[in-house]
Amino acid sequence: MLSPCIPHGDLTAATVRDVRFTPRRFRAGYDMDEVDVYLDAVLTELNRLRGPQTS
């Protein structure tokens, strides 16, 4: 599985907008594992950029 990645410190609106996922064979949609990996990477990078949160 080829997963889209986010270079460290390089999360931009264009990075998210331009990502392409691999269509699944013989079924409609995308490889959910690939999408999950990408979304986890986006979440991790957003949390890193936001820094520590205080309540």
PDB file of N, CA and C in Angstrom:
ATOM      1  N   MET A   1       0.850  -1.176   0.000  1.00  0.00           N
ATOM      2  CA  MET A   1       0.000   0.000   0.000  1.00  0.00           C
ATOM      3  C   MET A   1       0.888   1.228   0.000  1.00  0.00           C
ATOM      4  N   LEU A   2       0.640   2.124  -0.914  1.00  0.00           N
ATOM      5  CA  LEU A   2       1.340   3.393  -0.983  1.00  0.00           C
ATOM      6  C   LEU A   2       0.503   4.394  -0.227  1.00  0.00           C
ATOM      7  N   SER A   3       1.048   4.978   0.841  1.00  0.00           N
ATOM      8  CA  SER A   3       0.233   5.945   1.553  1.00  0.00           C
ATOM      9  C   SER A   3       0.770   7.345   1.377  1.00  0.00           C
ATOM     10  N   PRO A   4      -0.158   8.288   1.224  1.00  0.00           N
ATOM     11  CA  PRO A   4       0.258   9.683   1.142  1.00  0.00           C
ATOM     12  C   PRO A   4       0.918  10.074   2.453  1.00  0.00           C
ATOM     13  N   CYS A   5       1.947  10.873   2.391  1.00  0.00           N
ATOM     14  CA  CYS A   5       2.610  11.281   3.625  1.00  0.00           C
ATOM     15  C   CYS A   5       2.713  12.792   3.669  1.00  0.00           C
ATOM     16  N   ILE A   6       2.962  13.289   4.854  1.00  0.00           N
ATOM     17  CA  ILE A   6       3.121  14.713   5.070  1.00  0.00           C
ATOM     18  C   ILE A   6       4.558  14.925   5.540  1.00  0.00           C
ATOM     19  N   PRO A   7       5.360  15.625   4.751  1.00  0.00           N
ATOM     20  CA  PRO A   7       6.714  15.924   5.223  1.00  0.00           C
ATOM     21  C   PRO A   7       6.640  16.730   6.516  1.00  0.00           C
ATOM     22  N   HIS A   8       7.495  16.431   7.464  1.00  0.00           N
ATOM     23  CA  HIS A   8       7.499  17.098   8.769  1.00  0.00           C
ATOM     24  C   HIS A   8       7.533  18.612   8.585  1.00  0.00           C
ATOM     25  N   GLY A   9       6.601  19.300   9.225  1.00  0.00           N
ATOM     26  CA  GLY A   9       6.565  20.747   9.182  1.00  0.00           C
ATOM     27  C   GLY A   9       6.051  21.324   7.878  1.00  0.00           C
ATOM     28  N   ASP A  10       5.407  20.512   7.055  1.00  0.00           N
ATOM     29  CA  ASP A  10       4.993  20.978   5.738  1.00  0.00           C
ATOM     30  C   ASP A  10       3.496  20.787   5.504  1.00  0.00           C
ATOM     31  N   LEU A  11       2.689  20.915   6.560  1.00  0.00           N
ATOM     32  CA  LEU A  11       1.249  20.768   6.412  1.00  0.00           C
ATOM     33  C   LEU A  11       0.655  22.110   6.002  1.00  0.00           C
ATOM     34  N   THR A  12       0.055  22.136   4.848  1.00  0.00           N
ATOM     35  CA  THR A  12      -0.605  23.341   4.353  1.00  0.00           C
ATOM     36  C   THR A  12      -1.970  22.944   3.803  1.00  0.00           C
ATOM     37  N   ALA A  13      -2.790  23.930   3.536  1.00  0.00           N
ATOM     38  CA  ALA A  13      -4.084  23.638   2.921  1.00  0.00           C
ATOM     39  C   ALA A  13      -3.881  22.936   1.585  1.00  0.00           C
ATOM     40  N   ALA A  14      -2.867  23.346   0.838  1.00  0.00           N
ATOM     41  CA  ALA A  14      -2.590  22.716  -0.458  1.00  0.00           C
ATOM     42  C   ALA A  14      -2.164  21.266  -0.281  1.00  0.00           C
ATOM     43  N   THR A  15      -1.400  20.965   0.768  1.00  0.00           N
ATOM     44  CA  THR A  15      -0.981  19.585   1.035  1.00  0.00           C
ATOM     45  C   THR A  15      -2.201  18.690   1.210  1.00  0.00           C
ATOM     46  N   VAL A  16      -3.151  19.159   1.992  1.00  0.00           N
ATOM     47  CA  VAL A  16      -4.360  18.371   2.257  1.00  0.00           C
ATOM     48  C   VAL A  16      -5.235  18.312   1.003  1.00  0.00           C
ATOM     49  N   ARG A  17      -5.402  19.432   0.329  1.00  0.00           N
ATOM     50  CA  ARG A  17      -6.255  19.486  -0.863  1.00  0.00           C
ATOM     51  C   ARG A  17      -5.733  18.597  -1.986  1.00  0.00           C
ATOM     52  N   ASP A  18      -4.428  18.523  -2.142  1.00  0.00           N
ATOM     53  CA  ASP A  18      -3.835  17.826  -3.284  1.00  0.00           C
ATOM     54  C   ASP A  18      -3.559  16.346  -3.066  1.00  0.00           C
ATOM     55  N   VAL A  19      -3.822  15.833  -1.878  1.00  0.00           N
ATOM     56  CA  VAL A  19      -3.541  14.411  -1.635  1.00  0.00           C
ATOM     57  C   VAL A  19      -4.425  13.545  -2.528  1.00  0.00           C
ATOM     58  N   ARG A  20      -3.880  12.448  -2.998  1.00  0.00           N
ATOM     59  CA  ARG A  20      -4.619  11.499  -3.831  1.00  0.00           C
ATOM     60  C   ARG A  20      -4.520  10.119  -3.192  1.00  0.00           C
ATOM     61  N   PHE A  21      -5.649   9.461  -3.080  1.00  0.00           N
ATOM     62  CA  PHE A  21      -5.690   8.116  -2.514  1.00  0.00           C
ATOM     63  C   PHE A  21      -5.862   7.107  -3.640  1.00  0.00           C
ATOM     64  N   THR A  22      -5.432   5.895  -3.375  1.00  0.00           N
ATOM     65  CA  THR A  22      -5.516   4.818  -4.349  1.00  0.00           C
ATOM     66  C   THR A  22      -6.935   4.263  -4.395  1.00  0.00           C
ATOM     67  N   PRO A  23      -7.578   4.282  -5.572  1.00  0.00           N
ATOM     68  CA  PRO A  23      -8.901   3.663  -5.674  1.00  0.00           C
ATOM     69  C   PRO A  23      -8.785   2.146  -5.438  1.00  0.00           C
ATOM     70  N   ARG A  24      -9.814   1.582  -4.817  1.00  0.00           N
ATOM     71  CA  ARG A  24      -9.822   0.136  -4.593  1.00  0.00           C
ATOM     72  C   ARG A  24     -10.208  -0.568  -5.872  1.00  0.00           C
ATOM     73  N   ARG A  25      -9.656  -1.741  -6.061  1.00  0.00           N
ATOM     74  CA  ARG A  25     -10.007  -2.533  -7.239  1.00  0.00           C
ATOM     75  C   ARG A  25     -11.320  -3.264  -7.012  1.00  0.00           C
ATOM     76  N   PHE A  26     -12.097  -3.321  -8.035  1.00  0.00           N
ATOM     77  CA  PHE A  26     -13.343  -4.086  -8.060  1.00  0.00           C
ATOM     78  C   PHE A  26     -14.422  -3.554  -7.130  1.00  0.00           C
ATOM     79  N   ARG A  27     -14.195  -2.444  -6.456  1.00  0.00           N
ATOM     80  CA  ARG A  27     -15.196  -1.854  -5.572  1.00  0.00           C
ATOM     81  C   ARG A  27     -15.051  -0.347  -5.610  1.00  0.00           C
ATOM     82  N   ALA A  28     -16.133   0.336  -5.342  1.00  0.00           N
ATOM     83  CA  ALA A  28     -16.088   1.798  -5.307  1.00  0.00           C
ATOM     84  C   ALA A  28     -15.399   2.266  -4.027  1.00  0.00           C
ATOM     85  N   GLY A  29     -14.760   3.401  -4.092  1.00  0.00           N
ATOM     86  CA  GLY A  29     -14.164   3.989  -2.899  1.00  0.00           C
ATOM     87  C   GLY A  29     -12.654   3.883  -2.871  1.00  0.00           C
ATOM     88  N   TYR A  30     -12.092   4.165  -1.705  1.00  0.00           N
ATOM     89  CA  TYR A  30     -10.651   4.183  -1.508  1.00  0.00           C
ATOM     90  C   TYR A  30     -10.258   3.169  -0.446  1.00  0.00           C
ATOM     91  N   ASP A  31      -8.977   2.888  -0.387  1.00  0.00           N
ATOM     92  CA  ASP A  31      -8.433   1.989   0.633  1.00  0.00           C
ATOM     93  C   ASP A  31      -8.529   2.706   1.989  1.00  0.00           C
ATOM     94  N   MET A  32      -9.412   2.248   2.849  1.00  0.00           N
ATOM     95  CA  MET A  32      -9.660   2.924   4.121  1.00  0.00           C
ATOM     96  C   MET A  32      -8.419   2.971   5.005  1.00  0.00           C
ATOM     97  N   ASP A  33      -7.577   1.946   4.951  1.00  0.00           N
ATOM     98  CA  ASP A  33      -6.341   1.978   5.747  1.00  0.00           C
ATOM     99  C   ASP A  33      -5.455   3.134   5.293  1.00  0.00           C
ATOM    100  N   GLU A  34      -5.375   3.356   3.993  1.00  0.00           N
ATOM    101  CA  GLU A  34      -4.567   4.444   3.458  1.00  0.00           C
ATOM    102  C   GLU A  34      -5.119   5.798   3.914  1.00  0.00           C
ATOM    103  N   VAL A  35      -6.425   5.956   3.871  1.00  0.00           N
ATOM    104  CA  VAL A  35      -7.062   7.191   4.316  1.00  0.00           C
ATOM    105  C   VAL A  35      -6.831   7.391   5.809  1.00  0.00           C
ATOM    106  N   ASP A  36      -6.981   6.344   6.606  1.00  0.00           N
ATOM    107  CA  ASP A  36      -6.764   6.442   8.050  1.00  0.00           C
ATOM    108  C   ASP A  36      -5.332   6.848   8.385  1.00  0.00           C
ATOM    109  N   VAL A  37      -4.361   6.280   7.678  1.00  0.00           N
ATOM    110  CA  VAL A  37      -2.954   6.623   7.917  1.00  0.00           C
ATOM    111  C   VAL A  37      -2.732   8.111   7.629  1.00  0.00           C
ATOM    112  N   TYR A  38      -3.299   8.591   6.535  1.00  0.00           N
ATOM    113  CA  TYR A  38      -3.142  10.000   6.180  1.00  0.00           C
ATOM    114  C   TYR A  38      -3.801  10.901   7.222  1.00  0.00           C
ATOM    115  N   LEU A  39      -5.013  10.579   7.621  1.00  0.00           N
ATOM    116  CA  LEU A  39      -5.704  11.410   8.601  1.00  0.00           C
ATOM    117  C   LEU A  39      -4.982  11.410   9.945  1.00  0.00           C
ATOM    118  N   ASP A  40      -4.414  10.274  10.341  1.00  0.00           N
ATOM    119  CA  ASP A  40      -3.607  10.221  11.573  1.00  0.00           C
ATOM    120  C   ASP A  40      -2.399  11.142  11.458  1.00  0.00           C
ATOM    121  N   ALA A  41      -1.761  11.157  10.281  1.00  0.00           N
ATOM    122  CA  ALA A  41      -0.597  12.025  10.075  1.00  0.00           C
ATOM    123  C   ALA A  41      -0.999  13.495  10.122  1.00  0.00           C
ATOM    124  N   VAL A  42      -2.145  13.840   9.543  1.00  0.00           N
ATOM    125  CA  VAL A  42      -2.639  15.217   9.590  1.00  0.00           C
ATOM    126  C   VAL A  42      -2.911  15.620  11.031  1.00  0.00           C
ATOM    127  N   LEU A  43      -3.579  14.774  11.788  1.00  0.00           N
ATOM    128  CA  LEU A  43      -3.883  15.059  13.186  1.00  0.00           C
ATOM    129  C   LEU A  43      -2.604  15.258  13.998  1.00  0.00           C
ATOM    130  N   THR A  44      -1.635  14.384  13.808  1.00  0.00           N
ATOM    131  CA  THR A  44      -0.367  14.493  14.525  1.00  0.00           C
ATOM    132  C   THR A  44       0.324  15.816  14.212  1.00  0.00           C
ATOM    133  N   GLU A  45       0.366  16.182  12.941  1.00  0.00           N
ATOM    134  CA  GLU A  45       1.028  17.425  12.535  1.00  0.00           C
ATOM    135  C   GLU A  45       0.283  18.650  13.044  1.00  0.00           C
ATOM    136  N   LEU A  46      -1.056  18.624  12.999  1.00  0.00           N
ATOM    137  CA  LEU A  46      -1.818  19.752  13.532  1.00  0.00           C
ATOM    138  C   LEU A  46      -1.588  19.919  15.030  1.00  0.00           C
ATOM    139  N   ASN A  47      -1.556  18.818  15.758  1.00  0.00           N
ATOM    140  CA  ASN A  47      -1.286  18.885  17.197  1.00  0.00           C
ATOM    141  C   ASN A  47       0.117  19.415  17.468  1.00  0.00           C
ATOM    142  N   ARG A  48       1.085  19.018  16.647  1.00  0.00           N
ATOM    143  CA  ARG A  48       2.459  19.496  16.820  1.00  0.00           C
ATOM    144  C   ARG A  48       2.526  21.002  16.557  1.00  0.00           C
ATOM    145  N   LEU A  49       1.862  21.442  15.492  1.00  0.00           N
ATOM    146  CA  LEU A  49       1.890  22.869  15.154  1.00  0.00           C
ATOM    147  C   LEU A  49       1.171  23.722  16.191  1.00  0.00           C
ATOM    148  N   ARG A  50       0.117  23.200  16.769  1.00  0.00           N
ATOM    149  CA  ARG A  50      -0.660  23.930  17.767  1.00  0.00           C
ATOM    150  C   ARG A  50       0.095  24.067  19.064  1.00  0.00           C
ATOM    151  N   GLY A  51       0.958  23.097  19.361  1.00  0.00           N
ATOM    152  CA  GLY A  51       1.739  23.142  20.601  1.00  0.00           C
ATOM    153  C   GLY A  51       0.927  22.668  21.789  1.00  0.00           C
ATOM    154  N   PRO A  52       1.532  22.714  22.968  1.00  0.00           N
ATOM    155  CA  PRO A  52       0.837  22.239  24.174  1.00  0.00           C
ATOM    156  C   PRO A  52      -0.399  23.091  24.472  1.00  0.00           C
ATOM    157  N   GLN A  53      -1.451  22.429  24.848  1.00  0.00           N
ATOM    158  CA  GLN A  53      -2.699  23.114  25.178  1.00  0.00           C
ATOM    159  C   GLN A  53      -2.859  23.180  26.684  1.00  0.00           C
ATOM    160  N   THR A  54      -3.355  24.287  27.149  1.00  0.00           N
ATOM    161  CA  THR A  54      -3.652  24.408  28.578  1.00  0.00           C
ATOM    162  C   THR A  54      -5.156  24.491  28.749  1.00  0.00           C
ATOM    163  N   SER A  55      -5.643  23.981  29.889  1.00  0.00           N
ATOM    164  CA  SER A  55      -7.090  24.040  30.099  1.00  0.00           C
ATOM    165  C   SER A  55      -7.461  25.144  31.033  1.00  0.00           C
TER     166      SER A  55
END
